[in-house]
Protein backbone atom coordinates (compact mmCIF):
# COMPACT_ATOMS: atom_id res chain seq x y z
CA MET A 1 -5.61 4.53 -5.01
CA ARG A 2 -5.96 8.26 -5.41
CA ILE A 3 -6.55 9.64 -8.90
CA SER A 4 -5.46 13.16 -9.77
CA TRP A 5 -7.41 14.84 -12.58
CA LEU A 6 -6.69 18.56 -12.78
CA SER A 7 -4.51 18.21 -15.88
CA VAL A 8 -7.22 16.09 -17.56
CA VAL A 9 -9.82 18.78 -16.93
CA LEU A 10 -7.64 21.55 -18.33
CA LEU A 11 -6.73 19.53 -21.39
CA ALA A 12 -10.39 18.94 -22.00
CA ALA A 13 -11.40 22.50 -21.58
CA GLY A 14 9.00 21.45 4.68
CA CYS A 15 8.69 25.09 5.40
CA ALA A 16 11.14 27.90 5.04
CA ALA A 17 13.59 28.44 7.87
CA GLY A 18 11.89 30.06 10.84
CA THR A 19 8.37 29.24 9.62
CA ALA A 20 5.92 26.62 10.84
CA PRO A 21 3.66 24.15 9.06
CA VAL A 22 0.00 25.04 9.34
CA ASP A 23 -0.79 21.98 11.45
CA SER A 24 1.06 23.72 14.29
CA ASP A 25 -1.49 26.55 14.19
CA PRO A 26 -4.67 25.75 16.14
CA GLY A 27 -6.99 27.48 13.68
CA ILE A 28 -8.91 29.40 16.35
CA PRO A 29 -12.15 30.77 14.90
CA SER A 30 -12.60 34.52 14.74
CA GLY A 31 -14.77 37.07 13.00
CA GLU A 32 -18.12 35.54 13.99
CA SER A 33 -21.16 36.81 12.12
CA SER A 34 -24.71 35.74 11.42
CA THR A 35 -23.52 33.98 8.30
CA GLY A 36 -20.47 32.12 9.52
CA VAL A 37 -17.11 32.11 11.26
CA SER A 38 -13.71 32.87 9.76
CA PRO A 39 -11.13 30.18 10.55
CA ARG A 40 -7.78 31.71 11.49
CA ILE A 41 -4.32 30.57 10.40
CA GLY A 42 -1.04 32.37 10.98
CA GLY A 43 -2.83 35.43 12.33
CA CYS A 44 -5.03 35.68 9.21
CA ASP A 45 -8.75 35.16 8.76
CA ILE A 46 -9.31 32.67 5.95
CA PHE A 47 -11.73 34.87 4.02
CA PRO A 48 -14.47 36.96 5.67
CA ALA A 49 -17.11 35.27 7.80
CA ASP A 50 -19.73 35.63 5.03
CA ASN A 51 -17.58 33.86 2.44
CA PRO A 52 -19.22 30.75 0.94
CA TRP A 53 -16.51 28.52 2.42
CA ASN A 54 -17.42 29.72 5.92
CA ARG A 55 -21.20 29.66 5.62
CA ASP A 56 -23.25 27.31 7.80
CA ILE A 57 -25.58 25.57 5.33
CA SER A 58 -27.27 23.18 7.78
CA ALA A 59 -30.65 24.92 7.41
CA GLU A 60 -30.52 25.63 3.66
CA PRO A 61 -33.07 23.91 1.41
CA VAL A 62 -32.32 20.77 -0.56
CA ASP A 63 -32.10 21.24 -4.32
CA PRO A 64 -34.93 19.64 -6.34
CA ALA A 65 -32.30 17.80 -8.40
CA SER A 66 -30.50 16.40 -5.34
CA ASP A 67 -31.44 12.75 -5.80
CA ALA A 68 -30.47 12.73 -9.47
CA LEU A 69 -27.17 14.49 -8.83
CA ILE A 70 -26.20 12.19 -5.96
CA ALA A 71 -27.06 9.22 -8.19
CA ALA A 72 -24.57 10.59 -10.76
CA MET A 73 -21.79 10.83 -8.16
CA SER A 74 -21.14 7.17 -7.25
CA PRO A 75 -23.70 6.98 -4.41
CA GLU A 76 -22.38 3.66 -3.08
CA ALA A 77 -18.77 4.87 -2.94
CA VAL A 78 -17.33 5.32 0.54
CA LEU A 79 -16.29 8.75 1.84
CA HIS A 80 -12.49 8.76 1.90
CA LEU A 81 -10.24 11.18 3.76
CA ASP A 82 -7.45 11.71 1.23
CA LEU A 83 -4.69 12.25 3.75
CA GLY A 84 -2.44 10.11 5.88
CA THR A 85 -0.40 9.88 9.03
CA THR A 86 2.75 11.17 7.31
CA GLU A 87 3.32 13.79 4.62
CA GLU A 88 4.76 11.28 2.17
CA TYR A 89 2.48 10.89 -0.85
CA TYR A 90 -0.88 11.64 0.81
CA GLY A 91 -2.45 14.93 1.77
CA ILE A 92 -1.55 18.46 0.72
CA PRO A 93 0.97 20.26 2.95
CA TYR A 94 1.04 24.01 3.30
CA THR A 95 3.37 26.61 4.73
CA VAL A 96 3.04 29.87 6.65
CA VAL A 97 5.69 32.47 5.81
CA PRO A 98 6.45 35.92 7.26
CA ALA A 99 5.68 39.21 5.52
CA SER A 100 9.40 39.50 4.77
CA GLN A 101 9.58 36.26 2.76
CA PRO A 102 11.79 36.88 -0.32
CA LEU A 103 10.23 36.74 -3.77
CA VAL A 104 11.30 34.10 -6.27
CA PRO A 105 10.62 33.87 -10.01
CA ILE A 106 7.82 31.69 -11.37
CA THR A 107 7.96 30.25 -14.88
CA TYR A 108 5.35 28.17 -16.70
CA GLY A 109 5.17 25.02 -18.77
CA THR A 110 5.75 22.07 -16.43
CA GLY A 111 5.40 18.90 -18.46
CA GLY A 112 4.42 21.01 -21.45
CA TYR A 113 1.28 22.37 -19.75
CA ASP A 114 1.21 26.15 -19.68
CA TYR A 115 -1.82 27.96 -18.24
CA SER A 116 -0.07 31.26 -17.68
CA ASP A 117 -2.91 33.07 -19.46
CA GLU A 118 -5.16 32.15 -16.50
CA SER A 119 -2.49 32.63 -13.83
CA ASP A 120 -1.29 35.36 -11.48
CA PRO A 121 2.36 35.87 -12.45
CA GLY A 122 5.39 35.95 -10.17
CA PRO A 123 7.65 36.71 -8.57
CA LEU A 124 5.98 35.22 -5.49
CA PRO A 125 7.05 34.78 -1.84
CA ILE A 126 7.50 31.00 -2.03
CA PRO A 127 10.33 29.42 0.03
CA LEU A 128 12.75 27.50 -2.14
CA ASP A 129 12.31 24.50 0.15
CA ALA A 130 8.49 24.72 0.30
CA ALA A 131 6.82 21.35 0.64
CA ILE A 132 5.34 20.03 -2.60
CA GLU A 133 2.34 17.70 -2.56
CA GLY A 134 3.52 14.13 -3.07
CA GLY A 135 6.46 14.14 -0.68
CA SER A 136 7.95 16.43 1.93
CA SER A 137 11.59 15.38 2.26
CA ALA A 138 12.57 15.74 -1.41
CA ASP A 139 11.05 16.58 -4.75
CA PRO A 140 8.04 14.35 -5.39
CA ASP A 141 7.86 11.87 -8.20
CA PRO A 142 6.55 13.61 -11.38
CA ASP A 143 3.61 11.18 -11.44
CA SER A 144 2.69 11.59 -7.77
CA GLY A 145 -0.36 13.81 -8.24
CA ASP A 146 -1.09 17.48 -8.77
CA ARG A 147 2.10 18.63 -7.03
CA HIS A 148 0.43 21.58 -5.32
CA VAL A 149 2.28 24.16 -3.26
CA LEU A 150 0.23 26.28 -0.81
CA VAL A 151 1.79 29.26 0.97
CA LEU A 152 0.07 31.71 3.32
CA GLN A 153 1.93 34.98 3.89
CA GLN A 154 1.46 36.64 7.26
CA GLY A 155 0.93 40.38 7.44
CA SER A 156 -0.53 40.69 3.94
CA CYS A 157 -2.78 37.66 4.58
CA THR A 158 -2.31 36.60 0.98
CA LEU A 159 -2.58 33.01 -0.19
CA TYR A 160 -0.36 31.70 -3.00
CA GLU A 161 -1.20 28.38 -4.66
CA LEU A 162 0.75 26.57 -7.38
CA TYR A 163 -0.21 23.58 -9.53
CA ASN A 164 2.12 20.99 -11.08
CA THR A 165 5.16 22.48 -9.34
CA GLU A 166 8.81 21.76 -10.14
CA ARG A 167 11.85 23.25 -8.44
CA VAL A 168 14.23 25.02 -10.80
CA ALA A 169 17.32 27.09 -10.11
CA GLY A 170 16.29 30.00 -7.91
CA GLY A 171 12.52 29.46 -8.19
CA PHE A 172 9.77 27.23 -9.54
CA ARG A 173 8.28 26.11 -12.83
CA VAL A 174 4.52 25.44 -12.69
CA SER A 175 1.53 24.85 -14.91
CA SER A 176 -0.57 27.51 -13.18
CA SER A 177 -0.50 29.87 -10.21
CA ALA A 178 -3.19 31.72 -8.28
CA VAL A 179 -3.02 34.51 -5.70
CA TRP A 180 -5.87 35.08 -3.22
CA ASN A 181 -6.51 38.17 -1.05
CA LEU A 182 -8.01 36.56 2.06
CA ALA A 183 -9.32 39.86 3.44
CA VAL A 184 -12.09 40.02 0.81
CA ASN A 185 -14.42 37.59 -0.95
CA HIS A 186 -11.99 37.11 -3.79
CA THR A 187 -12.86 34.92 -6.80
CA ARG A 188 -11.14 34.17 -10.10
CA PRO A 189 -12.16 35.93 -13.33
CA THR A 190 -15.02 34.23 -15.14
CA GLY A 191 -13.81 31.11 -16.95
CA TRP A 192 -10.42 30.98 -15.22
CA THR A 193 -9.02 27.99 -13.46
CA SER A 194 -6.70 28.24 -10.43
CA ALA A 195 -4.38 25.72 -8.80
CA ASP A 196 -7.61 23.72 -8.52
CA ALA A 197 -9.70 22.64 -11.51
CA ALA A 198 -12.85 24.48 -10.41
CA GLY A 199 -11.07 27.83 -10.09
CA LEU A 200 -11.37 27.64 -6.31
CA PRO A 201 -8.73 28.13 -3.61
CA ILE A 202 -7.50 24.94 -1.96
CA LEU A 203 -6.44 26.03 1.53
CA PRO A 204 -9.89 27.24 2.74
CA GLY A 205 -11.36 23.78 2.05
CA LEU A 206 -8.48 21.70 3.34
CA LEU A 207 -9.22 19.31 6.21
CA LYS A 208 -6.74 19.98 9.03
CA TYR A 209 -6.15 17.67 11.98
CA ASP A 210 -5.80 20.38 14.63
CA GLU A 211 -9.24 21.74 13.74
CA ALA A 212 -10.78 18.27 13.83
CA ALA A 213 -9.14 17.37 17.14
CA ALA A 214 -10.34 20.63 18.73
CA GLY A 215 -13.82 20.41 17.21
CA THR A 216 -13.34 23.76 15.46
CA ILE A 217 -13.97 22.96 11.79
CA THR A 218 -16.01 25.99 10.76
CA HIS A 219 -15.76 25.78 6.98
CA ALA A 220 -16.71 23.59 4.05
CA LEU A 221 -14.28 20.97 2.76
CA ARG A 222 -13.25 20.25 -0.83
CA PHE A 223 -14.05 16.96 -2.52
CA THR A 224 -13.74 15.21 -5.86
CA THR A 225 -15.95 13.11 -8.09
CA PRO A 226 -14.98 11.26 -11.29
CA ALA A 227 -17.05 13.20 -13.85
CA VAL A 228 -17.98 16.90 -13.79
CA ARG A 229 -20.12 18.56 -16.47
CA ARG A 230 -18.93 21.48 -18.55
CA ALA A 231 -20.47 23.95 -16.17
CA TYR A 232 -19.98 25.66 -12.82
CA VAL A 233 -21.91 27.45 -10.10
CA ALA A 234 -20.61 30.12 -7.74
CA PRO A 235 -18.12 30.29 -6.11
CA ALA A 236 -16.41 28.18 -8.81
CA SER A 237 -15.29 29.84 -12.05
CA HIS A 238 -14.18 26.99 -14.32
CA CYS A 239 -15.89 24.09 -16.10
CA GLY A 240 -15.46 20.34 -15.97
CA SER A 241 -14.92 18.15 -19.01
CA TYR A 242 -18.13 16.15 -19.56
CA SER A 243 -20.99 17.21 -21.84
CA ASP A 244 -23.51 15.00 -20.01
CA PRO A 245 -25.92 17.46 -18.30
CA SER A 246 -26.78 14.89 -15.63
CA ARG A 247 -23.30 15.29 -14.16
CA PRO A 248 -22.69 17.80 -11.37
CA PRO A 249 -21.13 21.22 -12.06
CA TYR A 250 -18.08 22.54 -10.24
CA GLY A 251 -18.95 24.52 -7.13
CA LEU A 252 -21.83 22.17 -6.24
CA ARG A 253 -22.30 21.93 -2.47
CA VAL A 254 -23.49 18.88 -0.59
CA ARG A 255 -24.01 18.16 3.12
CA LEU A 256 -24.26 15.04 5.22
CA LYS A 257 -27.91 14.40 6.00
CA ALA A 258 -29.02 15.60 9.42
CA ALA A 259 -30.51 12.16 10.14
CA PHE A 260 -27.16 10.42 9.70
CA ASP A 261 -26.30 8.66 12.96
CA LEU A 262 -23.09 10.06 14.49
CA SER A 263 -23.19 7.88 17.60
CA PRO A 264 -20.55 5.35 16.36
CA TYR A 265 -17.98 8.14 15.97
CA SER A 266 -15.88 10.08 18.45
CA GLY A 267 -13.00 12.55 18.51
CA ALA A 268 -11.70 13.85 15.20
CA ALA A 269 -13.94 11.56 13.16
CA ARG A 270 -17.06 12.94 14.80
CA SER A 271 -15.80 16.51 14.36
CA VAL A 272 -15.38 15.91 10.62
CA LEU A 273 -18.85 14.44 10.19
CA THR A 274 -20.44 17.18 12.28
CA ALA A 275 -18.76 19.75 10.02
CA LEU A 276 -20.13 17.92 6.99
CA GLN A 277 -23.64 18.36 8.39
CA ARG A 278 -23.11 22.07 9.10
CA TYR A 279 -20.75 23.27 6.34
CA GLY A 280 -20.73 20.44 3.81
CA LEU A 281 -18.47 19.76 0.85
CA ILE A 282 -17.76 21.84 -2.26
CA LEU A 283 -16.96 20.07 -5.54
CA ALA A 284 -13.49 21.25 -6.53
CA ASP A 285 -11.89 18.71 -8.89
CA GLN A 286 -12.39 15.54 -10.88
CA GLY A 287 -10.93 12.49 -9.19
CA SER A 288 -11.79 9.49 -7.09
CA PRO A 289 -15.40 9.56 -5.81
CA TRP A 290 -16.05 11.21 -2.45
CA TYR A 291 -12.40 11.94 -1.70
CA VAL A 292 -11.97 14.75 0.85
CA THR A 293 -8.55 16.41 0.81
CA GLY A 294 -6.62 17.22 3.95
CA THR A 295 -3.22 17.58 5.55
CA SER A 296 -1.31 14.58 6.88
CA ASN A 297 -0.88 14.10 10.62
CA PRO A 298 -0.16 11.07 12.85
CA GLY A 299 -3.31 11.90 14.80
CA TRP A 300 -5.55 10.88 11.90
CA ALA A 301 -5.05 7.16 12.61
CA GLY A 302 -8.04 6.90 14.94
CA ALA A 303 -10.42 8.78 12.66
CA LEU A 304 -9.39 6.73 9.64
CA SER A 305 -10.00 3.55 11.59
CA GLN A 306 -13.49 4.67 12.66
CA LEU A 307 -14.45 5.58 9.11
CA ARG A 308 -13.26 2.19 7.88
CA ASP A 309 -15.32 0.40 10.54
CA HIS A 310 -18.39 2.61 10.02
CA PRO A 311 -18.26 3.86 6.42
CA VAL A 312 -20.10 6.93 5.17
CA ARG A 313 -21.35 6.67 1.56
CA GLY A 314 -22.28 9.11 -1.15
CA ARG A 315 -25.97 8.32 -0.68
CA ASP A 316 -25.72 9.74 2.85
CA PHE A 317 -25.37 13.26 1.36
CA GLU A 318 -27.80 15.68 -0.22
CA VAL A 319 -27.27 18.61 -2.58
CA ILE A 320 -28.24 22.02 -1.24
CA ARG A 321 -30.03 24.46 -3.54
CA PHE A 322 -27.63 26.26 -5.84
CA GLY A 323 -27.80 29.36 -8.00
CA PRO A 324 -27.50 29.90 -11.75
CA ILE A 325 -25.36 27.44 -13.72
CA THR A 326 -22.77 28.77 -16.18
CA THR A 327 -22.12 26.35 -19.04
CA CYS A 328 -19.09 26.17 -21.30
């Protein structure tokens, strides 16, 4: 069972008409450079090629603390793709909207949680019928997770992400909101959260079926672990909730070991694991161990079956060397 933890961390510290869901966009890479490749959605590069999310880390050195950090992150837990074959309850949907998308008001305080002081205020170009994480055909159950809304606006190539979203008359009430300019290496102000606990964007690290099926995953993926220390490393900007210094900080990056045998896997499953060797995972939230977030698609059935038959475990990963740690 999936566990959603963004609200715990913060306490401790359907598309619009005429638009298409992102899974209909093939995500063709563009903007190649010596440091990486920019995935492309809705005519927009998802950050520049040299952005951390797009950097190939297959040749980067292992951090001296790798063994200890992996040991603190449930090393026997099985890698789990937190998505499904339908949009109901599993996976995070997202929407591409045109440059002309109307603005709607955004208010704060869903469930009594108001992080407007660390939010980018509205009005924002969010369709009134935008899909909310936890269910696509109607409003999700209030207890169905983090209730994210992700919207990419064409033309401006701006990403809008909401956390703990509720529909209200003419707009939305949320706990927090974040706006990302995808044309630059945009990060949150120091100490700020986002729609994700670590202060990171969600869309750039989302696992998408079309990319996996085409073998074009050219970016890191986001993952969760149960306990994150009160610290972060770039590109994260916000701390976890545990004082134990043996726990990993937000922004930590891991990769699947190069020696891991990929021969039992094929198709989308092999594409995912190959991407984990080249681009790795970035720690973005507290939650179930080794959960990798993605979008739902019927095509995932085969990959999910392969990963059940041939599980990947936390001990199959290693931590790459990271920069200075900011503590809280």
